[in-house]
Protein backbone atom coordinates (compact mmCIF):
# COMPACT_ATOMS: atom_id res chain seq x y z
CA UNK A 1 0.40 5.66 9.95
CA UNK A 2 -0.59 2.67 11.85
CA UNK A 3 1.67 1.06 14.51
CA UNK A 4 3.82 -1.76 13.92
CA UNK A 5 3.50 -3.23 17.34
CA UNK A 6 2.53 -6.61 17.03
CA UNK A 7 4.37 -7.34 13.89
CA UNK A 8 7.16 -9.52 14.16
CA UNK A 9 10.20 -7.57 13.35
CA UNK A 10 11.68 -10.64 11.09
CA UNK A 11 9.00 -10.13 8.11
CA UNK A 12 10.97 -9.46 4.79
CA UNK A 13 9.59 -7.74 1.89
CA UNK A 14 9.66 -9.07 -1.50
CA UNK A 15 12.52 -7.33 -2.32
CA UNK A 16 14.81 -8.50 0.71
CA UNK A 17 14.26 -5.60 2.97
CA UNK A 18 13.26 -6.53 6.73
CA UNK A 19 10.02 -4.98 8.01
CA UNK A 20 9.35 -4.57 11.33
CA UNK A 21 9.48 -2.02 14.48
CA UNK A 22 13.28 -0.92 14.17
CA UNK A 23 13.59 -0.61 10.67
CA UNK A 24 10.31 1.75 9.87
CA UNK A 25 11.12 4.27 6.72
CA UNK A 26 10.23 7.99 7.18
CA UNK A 27 6.70 8.48 8.14
CA UNK A 28 4.31 10.01 5.59
CA UNK A 29 2.04 12.61 6.92
CA UNK A 30 -0.74 11.50 4.21
CA UNK A 31 -3.30 9.49 5.65
CA UNK A 32 -4.50 6.37 3.89
CA UNK A 33 -6.68 3.27 3.79
CA UNK A 34 -4.27 0.25 4.45
CA UNK A 35 -5.62 -3.55 4.38
CA UNK A 36 -3.64 -6.29 5.71
CA UNK A 37 -4.25 -9.86 4.87
CA UNK A 38 -2.30 -12.74 6.21
CA UNK A 39 -1.81 -16.04 4.51
CA UNK A 40 -0.41 -19.17 5.10
CA UNK A 41 1.01 -20.84 1.70
CA UNK A 42 2.14 -24.52 1.78
CA UNK A 43 5.62 -25.04 -0.05
CA UNK A 44 4.38 -26.11 -3.27
CA UNK A 45 2.28 -23.26 -3.75
CA UNK A 46 5.24 -20.44 -2.73
CA UNK A 47 6.23 -19.41 -6.11
CA UNK A 48 2.72 -19.03 -7.72
CA UNK A 49 1.37 -17.02 -4.92
CA UNK A 50 4.36 -14.78 -4.67
CA UNK A 51 3.67 -14.26 -8.41
CA UNK A 52 -0.11 -13.60 -8.05
CA UNK A 53 0.00 -11.59 -4.77
CA UNK A 54 3.21 -9.75 -5.45
CA UNK A 55 3.37 -5.91 -6.59
CA UNK A 56 3.41 -7.03 -10.09
CA UNK A 57 0.73 -9.77 -9.86
CA UNK A 58 -2.71 -10.50 -10.74
CA UNK A 59 -3.97 -8.79 -7.47
CA UNK A 60 -2.24 -5.49 -8.13
CA UNK A 61 -3.05 -5.51 -11.80
CA UNK A 62 -6.54 -5.51 -10.92
CA UNK A 63 -6.33 -2.95 -8.17
CA UNK A 64 -4.21 -0.88 -10.69
CA UNK A 65 -7.62 -0.53 -12.71
CA UNK A 66 -9.21 1.47 -9.75
CA UNK A 67 -9.10 5.16 -8.94
CA UNK A 68 -7.14 5.65 -5.21
CA UNK A 69 -5.29 2.47 -5.52
CA UNK A 70 -1.58 3.05 -4.10
CA UNK A 71 0.12 0.14 -4.11
CA UNK A 72 0.75 -3.45 -2.84
CA UNK A 73 3.60 -4.82 -0.75
CA UNK A 74 4.17 -8.68 -0.14
CA UNK A 75 5.97 -9.77 3.14
CA UNK A 76 7.49 -13.28 4.16
CA UNK A 77 7.98 -14.18 7.46
CA UNK A 78 11.53 -15.46 8.03
CA UNK A 79 10.94 -17.37 11.05
CA UNK A 80 7.60 -19.09 10.17
CA UNK A 81 7.90 -20.26 6.53
CA UNK A 82 4.77 -19.95 4.44
CA UNK A 83 3.54 -17.23 6.46
CA UNK A 84 2.94 -13.78 4.23
CA UNK A 85 1.22 -10.57 4.55
CA UNK A 86 0.00 -8.34 1.82
CA UNK A 87 -0.61 -4.70 2.45
CA UNK A 88 -2.53 -3.06 -0.18
CA UNK A 89 -2.61 0.64 0.39
CA UNK A 90 -5.74 2.84 -0.99
CA UNK A 91 -6.11 6.51 -0.84
CA UNK A 92 -9.38 6.29 1.27
CA UNK A 93 -11.94 3.58 2.36
CA UNK A 94 -14.15 5.01 0.00
CA UNK A 95 -12.14 4.29 -2.97
CA UNK A 96 -11.68 0.70 -2.02
CA UNK A 97 -15.52 0.66 -1.57
CA UNK A 98 -16.07 1.65 -5.19
CA UNK A 99 -13.54 -0.72 -6.50
CA UNK A 100 -15.21 -3.20 -4.79
CA UNK A 101 -18.58 -2.45 -6.12
CA UNK A 102 -17.00 -1.71 -9.80
CA UNK A 103 -14.94 -4.80 -9.82
CA UNK A 104 -17.00 -7.29 -7.49
CA UNK A 105 -17.10 -9.74 -10.25
CA UNK A 106 -13.41 -9.76 -11.29
CA UNK A 107 -12.53 -9.50 -7.81
CA UNK A 108 -14.25 -12.76 -7.02
CA UNK A 109 -12.96 -14.60 -9.83
CA UNK A 110 -9.39 -13.80 -8.90
CA UNK A 111 -10.36 -15.23 -5.45
CA UNK A 112 -11.78 -18.39 -6.87
CA UNK A 113 -8.76 -18.75 -8.99
CA UNK A 114 -6.00 -18.14 -6.19
CA UNK A 115 -7.68 -19.78 -3.59
CA UNK A 116 -5.79 -23.09 -3.89
CA UNK A 117 -2.62 -21.64 -3.20
CA UNK A 118 -3.29 -21.16 0.60
CA UNK A 119 -3.72 -23.28 3.43
CA UNK A 120 -7.30 -23.24 5.31
CA UNK A 121 -6.53 -22.05 8.73
């Protein structure tokens, strides 16, 4: 499992748990492929963003159609309001690559649909 060094310990999961160096759960010996995205979300779009990017949102629903998808977690930064991380877990990099090949059009469609929810960096 990857180290959390460099991740602000004041990030909170969508269910209210604090995530960081001091609050890690038990380590699972199973290897996995983890993709982390960082987003800056204006206040007027936060609710829609949380619905779309959360573990029950449109992105996770699309990912669930693929073999090897293990789950999504949405974290919000308590210190920098509007900063979010999504953590998508896959069994292997190959599973994610196969998903992108098979679902590229749907992935692109969702990306275009929700791009207005985030601020340009």
